[in-house]
Amino acid sequence: MKDKLKWFKDAKYGLFIHWGLYAIPGGEWEGRLAPHGTEWLMRNLQVPLADYKKLAERFNPVDFDPYYYVRKAKRWGMKYIVVTAKHHDGFAMYDTKVSDYSVMNTPYGKDIIRQFADACAAEGMTFCVYYSQMQDWEDPNADGNTWDFDPAKKEFKRYFYNKCIPQVKELLTNYGPIGLIWFDTPYEMPKALCQELADVVHECQPACLVNGRVGYGIGDYRQAADNSIPRFARNDAWECPMTLNATWGYSHRDSDFKAPSAVLENLVRVVGKGGNLLLNVGPDEYGKIPEASAQVLDTVGEWLAVNGKSIYNTVSAPDFPYLIPWGEITYNEEETTLFFHIKKYPTRAPYQVHLAGLKNRVEKVTLLADGSEIPFKQSYETARDECRFNIFMPAVCPDADDTVVAVKLDGKVEVQKI
């Protein structure tokens, strides 16, 4: 089999969709606000299962259109979509034969995952699913629900073999090719069971990736902590899951969405360190994405339509000897090109951007947006043994959010150790 990670390492940018019954209360239950994470409302407020399950009687997302999501994701510049098939509350967003607690037993009554899978297949988008493997607050033997079920009476293996494994097999056999399955919160789940779960995935679909949160380093790629970008670059495959606001699921109250410039900055930082950014949206109970979040992603997508070459198919950028005050760097190894992402544009003539420690000979410098050539100068100071590289930018900033300059090198990048 060819490197099954290649598509993932080239993709760089994906859409995460957290959607379930928790979209209905939207972070508030009987006047009480969930302290954090609207999708964790049931656990954090210890909502009785019998009360929470009544949300299924109201779930009817009449505005849901899977093609809207997939086509939007493409315009936003995303290369894969991860949809919550079952979150911690135990509710399945698909037609499962393992449990009656699913979208099929709601007023809506249609398989959400099937619709996403079909739309992705039709639009050429890589389709992926999220599955909460250890927590399931509806199951008496799973982790998490200690207010309805006595922890001393739980038998985790009963849940694992009677619900978790059968449902994972359903997802991997009934919905066509799955790019990756996104597990979450393994906590104290025994290593042997984590390995068995990963083995089941690979047996059902050998090309399907397993994310790092299956636990114990068993996954096919590493997972960063939520909303956390590592300090140092990595050469292996990894992913940073990130919210647009403060929560994953839909919130009635949280409309503090990141600005497009902040999303771009996070995307460039993650990509420059060799990772993928998996950016989340939380649809409301009717199946609609909040308009404010869509507008943010529209703007980012417009930037990627012009500057995407600096993001996709890149590898981790080298660590240069000094902190870079003007922005970030991404790197296309195959094309031996560094991309300077200039966030802090020079304000005084001759509008220089400086980089120390680049040993390569630079062949050409261009503005990525239009291909226009930019003058530059390279020098070497013998006494200090320091390679210097300066480019001279236009007086008027081309893009206030992120001006991208392509620096073509004479070979694989070499960095001076100072």
Protein backbone atom coordinates (compact mmCIF):
# COMPACT_ATOMS: atom_id res chain seq x y z
CA MET A 1 0.00 0.00 0.00
CA LYS A 2 1.24 3.49 -0.82
CA ASP A 3 1.83 5.90 2.04
CA LYS A 4 -1.73 6.15 3.35
CA LEU A 5 -0.78 9.29 5.24
CA LYS A 6 0.10 11.24 2.11
CA TRP A 7 -3.35 12.72 1.50
CA PHE A 8 -3.51 13.77 5.14
CA LYS A 9 -0.07 15.37 5.20
CA ASP A 10 -0.81 17.26 1.97
CA ALA A 11 -4.29 18.43 3.02
CA LYS A 12 -3.30 20.80 5.87
CA TYR A 13 -6.81 22.13 6.52
CA GLY A 14 -10.01 20.35 7.48
CA LEU A 15 -13.52 21.08 8.74
CA PHE A 16 -14.68 19.66 12.08
CA ILE A 17 -18.46 19.52 12.66
CA HIS A 18 -19.75 19.02 16.20
CA TRP A 19 -23.48 18.42 15.96
CA GLY A 20 -25.96 16.49 18.05
CA LEU A 21 -28.81 16.83 20.52
CA TYR A 22 -26.76 19.34 22.50
CA ALA A 23 -27.42 21.91 19.75
CA ILE A 24 -30.99 22.26 21.05
CA PRO A 25 -30.23 23.58 24.56
CA GLY A 26 -27.20 25.40 23.11
CA GLY A 27 -25.29 25.54 26.39
CA GLU A 28 -28.18 26.27 28.78
CA TRP A 29 -30.41 23.90 30.75
CA GLU A 30 -33.39 25.16 32.74
CA GLY A 31 -31.73 28.50 33.32
CA ARG A 32 -28.33 27.03 34.18
CA LEU A 33 -25.39 27.75 31.90
CA ALA A 34 -22.97 24.96 31.04
CA PRO A 35 -19.62 25.98 32.59
CA HIS A 36 -17.73 25.09 29.41
CA GLY A 37 -18.34 23.07 26.27
CA THR A 38 -21.97 23.10 25.18
CA GLU A 39 -21.55 19.53 23.93
CA TRP A 40 -20.59 18.57 27.54
CA LEU A 41 -23.76 20.10 28.97
CA MET A 42 -25.27 16.78 30.05
CA ARG A 43 -22.22 15.79 32.09
CA ASN A 44 -21.19 19.17 33.43
CA LEU A 45 -24.70 19.97 34.68
CA GLN A 46 -25.43 16.31 35.49
CA VAL A 47 -28.66 16.38 33.54
CA PRO A 48 -30.63 13.18 34.23
CA LEU A 49 -30.50 10.83 31.25
CA ALA A 50 -34.28 10.53 31.13
CA ASP A 51 -34.59 14.32 30.77
CA TYR A 52 -31.77 14.68 28.27
CA LYS A 53 -33.14 11.92 26.04
CA LYS A 54 -36.33 13.93 25.60
CA LEU A 55 -34.30 16.23 23.32
CA ALA A 56 -34.55 13.49 20.70
CA GLU A 57 -38.31 14.16 20.57
CA ARG A 58 -37.50 17.70 19.37
CA PHE A 59 -34.60 17.04 16.99
CA ASN A 60 -35.78 18.11 13.54
CA PRO A 61 -33.10 20.02 11.58
CA VAL A 62 -35.34 21.11 8.72
CA ASP A 63 -32.69 23.45 7.28
CA PHE A 64 -29.94 20.83 7.03
CA ASP A 65 -28.36 20.49 3.59
CA PRO A 66 -25.23 18.32 3.43
CA TYR A 67 -24.26 19.72 0.03
CA TYR A 68 -24.19 23.21 1.50
CA TYR A 69 -21.60 22.06 4.05
CA VAL A 70 -19.43 20.19 1.58
CA ARG A 71 -19.49 22.90 -1.08
CA LYS A 72 -18.81 25.55 1.53
CA ALA A 73 -15.89 23.54 2.90
CA LYS A 74 -14.42 23.37 -0.59
CA ARG A 75 -14.77 27.12 -1.05
CA TRP A 76 -13.25 27.62 2.37
CA GLY A 77 -10.17 25.72 1.15
CA MET A 78 -10.66 22.67 3.34
CA LYS A 79 -9.66 19.22 2.11
CA TYR A 80 -11.48 16.88 4.51
CA ILE A 81 -14.53 16.89 6.78
CA VAL A 82 -14.89 15.17 10.17
CA VAL A 83 -18.48 14.78 11.42
CA THR A 84 -19.56 13.62 14.89
CA ALA A 85 -21.22 10.26 14.38
CA LYS A 86 -21.57 9.71 18.14
CA HIS A 87 -20.38 12.15 20.77
CA HIS A 88 -20.06 11.59 24.52
CA ASP A 89 -23.82 11.81 25.08
CA GLY A 90 -24.18 8.48 23.27
CA PHE A 91 -26.63 9.71 20.63
CA ALA A 92 -25.93 8.31 17.15
CA MET A 93 -26.33 10.68 14.21
CA TYR A 94 -26.80 7.71 11.87
CA ASP A 95 -28.87 4.58 11.33
CA THR A 96 -27.34 2.23 13.89
CA LYS A 97 -28.79 -1.22 14.50
CA VAL A 98 -26.96 -1.45 17.83
CA SER A 99 -29.04 1.11 19.74
CA ASP A 100 -32.44 2.81 19.51
CA TYR A 101 -30.82 6.05 20.69
CA SER A 102 -30.27 7.56 17.28
CA VAL A 103 -31.40 10.17 14.79
CA MET A 104 -33.68 7.59 13.22
CA ASN A 105 -35.96 7.84 16.25
CA THR A 106 -36.51 11.57 16.06
CA PRO A 107 -39.04 13.70 14.15
CA TYR A 108 -36.30 14.14 11.52
CA GLY A 109 -35.80 10.40 11.08
CA LYS A 110 -33.05 10.53 8.45
CA ASP A 111 -29.45 9.34 8.55
CA ILE A 112 -27.21 12.41 8.91
CA ILE A 113 -23.96 10.50 8.35
CA ARG A 114 -25.34 8.88 5.18
CA GLN A 115 -26.18 12.30 3.79
CA PHE A 116 -22.72 13.67 4.58
CA ALA A 117 -21.03 10.59 3.11
CA ASP A 118 -23.04 10.84 -0.13
CA ALA A 119 -22.43 14.57 -0.48
CA CYS A 120 -18.68 14.16 0.09
CA ALA A 121 -18.51 11.35 -2.46
CA ALA A 122 -20.37 13.44 -5.03
CA GLU A 123 -18.19 16.51 -4.43
CA GLY A 124 -14.83 14.72 -4.19
CA MET A 125 -14.30 15.59 -0.53
CA THR A 126 -12.58 13.20 1.90
CA PHE A 127 -15.18 12.12 4.44
CA CYS A 128 -14.27 11.26 8.04
CA VAL A 129 -16.15 10.51 11.24
CA TYR A 130 -15.77 11.22 14.95
CA TYR A 131 -16.65 8.51 17.46
CA SER A 132 -16.46 8.78 21.26
CA GLN A 133 -15.05 5.39 22.20
CA MET A 134 -14.84 5.51 26.00
CA GLN A 135 -17.41 8.03 27.14
CA ASP A 136 -21.07 7.27 26.49
CA TRP A 137 -23.40 8.90 28.99
CA GLU A 138 -26.39 6.89 27.81
CA ASP A 139 -24.79 3.49 28.37
CA PRO A 140 -24.72 2.17 31.96
CA ASN A 141 -21.34 0.49 31.47
CA ALA A 142 -19.45 3.22 29.62
CA ASP A 143 -17.38 5.99 31.18
CA GLY A 144 -18.80 9.34 32.22
CA ASN A 145 -22.31 9.08 33.63
CA THR A 146 -21.97 8.62 37.40
CA TRP A 147 -25.21 10.36 38.42
CA ASP A 148 -27.57 7.90 36.67
CA PHE A 149 -25.39 4.80 36.97
CA ASP A 150 -23.38 3.45 39.90
CA PRO A 151 -19.67 3.48 38.96
CA ALA A 152 -19.09 0.37 41.09
CA LYS A 153 -21.46 -1.61 38.90
CA LYS A 154 -20.01 -0.60 35.54
CA GLU A 155 -18.47 -3.28 33.34
CA PHE A 156 -16.69 -1.35 30.62
CA LYS A 157 -16.01 -4.37 28.41
CA ARG A 158 -19.74 -4.97 28.16
CA TYR A 159 -20.16 -1.52 26.58
CA PHE A 160 -16.99 -1.90 24.52
CA TYR A 161 -18.02 -5.17 22.86
CA ASN A 162 -21.78 -4.63 22.75
CA LYS A 163 -21.90 -1.03 21.53
CA CYS A 164 -18.56 0.57 20.72
CA ILE A 165 -17.03 -2.09 18.47
CA PRO A 166 -20.30 -2.91 16.64
CA GLN A 167 -21.01 0.77 15.97
CA VAL A 168 -17.49 1.43 14.69
CA LYS A 169 -17.88 -1.53 12.35
CA GLU A 170 -21.19 -0.09 11.10
CA LEU A 171 -19.55 3.21 10.29
CA LEU A 172 -16.69 1.53 8.46
CA THR A 173 -18.79 -0.90 6.42
CA ASN A 174 -21.96 1.03 5.55
CA TYR A 175 -20.77 4.46 4.42
CA GLY A 176 -18.11 3.91 1.80
CA PRO A 177 -14.46 4.96 2.14
CA ILE A 178 -13.67 6.78 5.39
CA GLY A 179 -10.55 8.93 5.37
CA LEU A 180 -10.00 8.76 9.11
CA ILE A 181 -11.88 7.98 12.29
CA TRP A 182 -11.46 10.53 15.06
CA PHE A 183 -11.54 8.97 18.51
CA ASP A 184 -11.57 11.08 21.67
CA THR A 185 -10.97 11.09 25.45
CA PRO A 186 -9.41 7.63 25.95
CA TYR A 187 -8.67 8.51 29.60
CA GLU A 188 -7.86 5.26 31.47
CA MET A 189 -9.07 2.90 28.77
CA PRO A 190 -6.80 -0.21 28.80
CA LYS A 191 -4.12 -0.23 26.14
CA ALA A 192 -5.16 -3.65 24.88
CA LEU A 193 -8.66 -2.38 24.11
CA CYS A 194 -7.29 0.73 22.39
CA GLN A 195 -5.12 -1.50 20.21
CA GLU A 196 -8.07 -3.78 19.45
CA LEU A 197 -10.13 -0.78 18.41
CA ALA A 198 -7.42 0.46 16.04
CA ASP A 199 -7.03 -3.07 14.64
CA VAL A 200 -10.77 -3.25 13.93
CA VAL A 201 -10.58 -0.01 11.97
CA HIS A 202 -7.65 -1.22 9.89
CA GLU A 203 -9.29 -4.60 9.30
CA CYS A 204 -12.49 -2.97 8.03
CA GLN A 205 -10.74 -0.28 5.99
CA PRO A 206 -6.93 -0.65 5.72
CA ALA A 207 -6.55 2.84 4.25
CA CYS A 208 -8.56 4.54 7.02
CA LEU A 209 -6.41 6.54 9.43
CA VAL A 210 -6.81 6.37 13.19
CA ASN A 211 -6.16 9.59 15.07
CA GLY A 212 -3.86 9.92 18.07
CA ARG A 213 -6.64 9.99 20.64
CA VAL A 214 -7.20 6.30 20.32
CA GLY A 215 -4.48 6.39 22.99
CA TYR A 216 -0.98 5.13 23.87
CA GLY A 217 0.65 6.31 20.65
CA ILE A 218 -1.28 3.67 18.71
CA GLY A 219 -2.80 6.09 16.19
CA ASP A 220 -1.52 6.74 12.69
CA TYR A 221 -0.80 10.38 13.47
CA ARG A 222 -0.34 12.57 16.53
CA GLN A 223 -3.05 14.76 18.02
CA ALA A 224 -2.31 18.10 19.63
CA ALA A 225 -4.32 19.26 22.63
CA ASP A 226 -7.46 21.25 21.81
CA ASN A 227 -6.69 24.78 20.60
CA SER A 228 -2.97 24.21 21.23
CA ILE A 229 -0.13 24.71 18.76
CA PRO A 230 3.20 23.02 19.62
CA ARG A 231 6.20 25.29 20.19
CA PHE A 232 8.49 23.34 17.87
CA ALA A 233 8.17 21.94 14.37
CA ARG A 234 7.53 18.22 13.89
CA ASN A 235 8.39 16.04 10.91
CA ASP A 236 5.71 13.42 11.59
CA ALA A 237 2.02 13.79 10.76
CA TRP A 238 -0.01 15.67 13.35
CA GLU A 239 -3.18 17.70 13.70
CA CYS A 240 -4.44 20.60 15.81
CA PRO A 241 -8.20 20.64 16.52
CA MET A 242 -9.41 24.19 17.07
CA THR A 243 -12.67 26.03 17.73
CA LEU A 244 -13.81 29.22 16.03
CA ASN A 245 -15.23 30.47 19.32
CA ALA A 246 -15.00 29.06 22.87
CA THR A 247 -17.00 25.89 22.37
CA TRP A 248 -17.38 22.99 19.95
CA GLY A 249 -21.14 22.54 19.89
CA TYR A 250 -23.59 25.30 19.07
CA SER A 251 -24.00 28.00 21.72
CA HIS A 252 -26.84 30.49 22.06
CA ARG A 253 -24.56 32.90 23.87
CA ASP A 254 -21.04 32.52 22.50
CA SER A 255 -20.67 34.57 19.32
CA ASP A 256 -17.06 35.57 19.97
CA PHE A 257 -15.74 34.13 16.72
CA LYS A 258 -12.10 34.49 15.78
CA ALA A 259 -11.32 37.14 13.18
CA PRO A 260 -10.21 35.89 9.75
CA SER A 261 -6.71 37.25 10.45
CA ALA A 262 -6.52 35.14 13.63
CA VAL A 263 -7.65 32.01 11.78
CA LEU A 264 -5.03 32.66 9.11
CA GLU A 265 -2.34 33.18 11.72
CA ASN A 266 -3.22 29.89 13.42
CA LEU A 267 -3.36 28.04 10.10
CA VAL A 268 0.05 29.34 9.01
CA ARG A 269 1.63 28.59 12.40
CA VAL A 270 0.28 25.03 12.40
CA VAL A 271 1.31 24.38 8.80
CA GLY A 272 4.73 25.92 9.36
CA LYS A 273 5.29 23.40 12.13
CA GLY A 274 4.27 20.54 9.83
CA GLY A 275 0.70 19.98 11.01
CA ASN A 276 -2.93 20.16 9.91
CA LEU A 277 -5.52 22.57 11.29
CA LEU A 278 -8.92 20.96 11.91
CA LEU A 279 -11.24 23.93 12.43
CA ASN A 280 -14.64 23.43 14.00
CA VAL A 281 -18.14 24.75 13.36
CA GLY A 282 -21.19 23.97 15.51
CA PRO A 283 -24.50 23.88 13.59
CA ASP A 284 -27.66 24.92 15.42
CA GLU A 285 -30.64 22.67 16.07
CA TYR A 286 -32.04 23.41 12.61
CA GLY A 287 -28.84 22.34 10.87
CA LYS A 288 -27.53 25.80 10.02
CA ILE A 289 -24.03 27.16 10.58
CA PRO A 290 -24.04 30.49 12.43
CA GLU A 291 -23.74 33.19 9.80
CA ALA A 292 -20.93 34.96 11.66
CA SER A 293 -18.72 31.87 11.58
CA ALA A 294 -19.49 31.30 7.89
CA GLN A 295 -18.42 34.85 7.09
CA VAL A 296 -15.08 34.32 8.84
CA LEU A 297 -14.43 31.17 6.87
CA ASP A 298 -15.53 32.83 3.61
CA THR A 299 -12.78 35.42 4.07
CA VAL A 300 -10.17 32.79 4.89
CA GLY A 301 -11.26 30.81 1.82
CA GLU A 302 -10.81 33.86 -0.40
CA TRP A 303 -7.25 34.24 0.90
CA LEU A 304 -6.52 30.55 0.30
CA ALA A 305 -7.83 30.77 -3.26
CA VAL A 306 -4.96 33.19 -3.94
CA ASN A 307 -2.28 31.95 -1.53
CA GLY A 308 -3.08 28.25 -1.10
CA LYS A 309 0.21 27.21 -2.66
CA SER A 310 1.91 28.37 0.53
CA ILE A 311 -0.25 25.99 2.60
CA TYR A 312 -1.05 22.76 0.78
CA ASN A 313 1.55 20.04 0.09
CA THR A 314 4.05 21.68 2.43
CA VAL A 315 6.25 20.18 5.14
CA SER A 316 7.50 21.62 8.42
CA ALA A 317 9.58 24.74 7.92
CA PRO A 318 13.10 24.71 9.33
CA ASP A 319 13.87 26.37 12.64
CA PHE A 320 15.90 29.48 11.90
CA PRO A 321 18.38 30.71 14.50
CA TYR A 322 16.44 33.79 15.59
CA LEU A 323 12.81 34.58 16.34
CA ILE A 324 11.14 36.02 13.26
CA PRO A 325 9.52 39.37 14.15
CA TRP A 326 7.56 39.88 10.94
CA GLY A 327 5.61 36.61 10.68
CA GLU A 328 5.91 32.92 9.86
CA ILE A 329 7.46 30.65 7.22
CA THR A 330 6.02 27.64 5.38
CA TYR A 331 8.02 25.36 3.10
CA ASN A 332 7.39 23.35 -0.06
CA GLU A 333 10.23 20.86 -0.14
CA GLU A 334 9.49 19.50 -3.61
CA GLU A 335 9.62 22.97 -5.15
CA THR A 336 12.47 24.10 -2.83
CA THR A 337 10.49 27.23 -1.99
CA LEU A 338 10.09 29.08 1.28
CA PHE A 339 6.95 31.15 1.76
CA PHE A 340 7.31 34.23 3.92
CA HIS A 341 4.00 35.11 5.60
CA ILE A 342 4.43 38.77 6.45
CA LYS A 343 2.01 39.75 9.20
CA LYS A 344 3.93 42.78 10.48
CA TYR A 345 4.58 44.77 7.33
CA PRO A 346 7.58 47.14 7.27
CA THR A 347 6.50 50.76 7.67
CA ARG A 348 9.64 52.65 6.64
CA ALA A 349 11.65 52.79 3.42
CA PRO A 350 13.31 50.73 2.08
CA TYR A 351 10.59 48.39 3.49
CA GLN A 352 12.96 45.54 4.25
CA VAL A 353 12.13 42.07 5.55
CA HIS A 354 15.20 40.37 6.99
CA LEU A 355 16.10 36.73 7.66
CA ALA A 356 19.38 35.53 9.16
CA GLY A 357 20.84 32.07 8.76
CA LEU A 358 19.68 31.08 5.26
CA LYS A 359 22.66 29.34 3.62
CA ASN A 360 21.08 28.67 0.21
CA ARG A 361 21.46 30.83 -2.85
CA VAL A 362 18.13 32.46 -3.59
CA GLU A 363 17.14 32.24 -7.25
CA LYS A 364 14.04 34.42 -7.28
CA VAL A 365 11.62 36.22 -4.97
CA THR A 366 8.01 36.86 -6.03
CA LEU A 367 4.77 38.08 -4.55
CA LEU A 368 2.64 34.94 -4.50
CA ALA A 369 -0.61 36.75 -5.21
CA ASP A 370 0.40 38.04 -8.67
CA GLY A 371 3.86 36.60 -9.42
CA SER A 372 5.55 40.00 -9.56
CA GLU A 373 9.27 39.89 -8.80
CA ILE A 374 10.61 41.50 -5.65
CA PRO A 375 14.21 42.74 -5.32
CA PHE A 376 16.42 41.09 -2.73
CA LYS A 377 19.98 41.00 -1.46
CA GLN A 378 22.11 38.26 0.07
CA SER A 379 25.34 38.83 1.98
CA TYR A 380 27.75 37.09 4.31
CA GLU A 381 29.71 38.69 7.11
CA THR A 382 32.94 36.80 7.67
CA ALA A 383 33.79 38.14 11.12
CA ARG A 384 30.43 37.14 12.57
CA ASP A 385 29.99 34.10 10.33
CA GLU A 386 26.44 35.16 9.52
CA CYS A 387 24.39 34.70 6.37
CA ARG A 388 21.96 37.53 5.71
CA PHE A 389 18.99 37.80 3.40
CA ASN A 390 16.92 40.92 2.77
CA ILE A 391 13.93 41.47 0.54
CA PHE A 392 12.60 44.91 -0.37
CA MET A 393 8.82 45.01 -0.28
CA PRO A 394 6.48 47.41 -2.10
CA ALA A 395 5.75 50.62 -0.23
CA VAL A 396 2.04 49.74 -0.09
CA CYS A 397 1.16 46.56 1.80
CA PRO A 398 -0.53 44.10 -0.63
CA ASP A 399 -2.47 42.20 2.06
CA ALA A 400 -2.88 43.51 5.60
CA ASP A 401 -3.86 40.08 6.94
CA ASP A 402 -0.98 38.08 5.46
CA THR A 403 1.25 39.09 2.52
CA VAL A 404 2.91 35.98 1.11
CA VAL A 405 6.28 36.07 -0.64
CA ALA A 406 7.69 33.02 -2.45
CA VAL A 407 11.45 32.56 -2.06
CA LYS A 408 12.82 30.06 -4.61
CA LEU A 409 16.01 28.34 -3.43
CA ASP A 410 18.78 26.57 -5.34
CA GLY A 411 18.10 23.32 -3.51
CA LYS A 412 16.80 21.83 -0.28
CA VAL A 413 16.78 24.47 2.42
CA GLU A 414 19.92 24.75 4.54
CA VAL A 415 19.97 26.72 7.77
CA GLN A 416 23.07 28.08 9.42
CA LYS A 417 23.54 27.15 13.06
CA ILE A 418 24.41 30.29 14.98
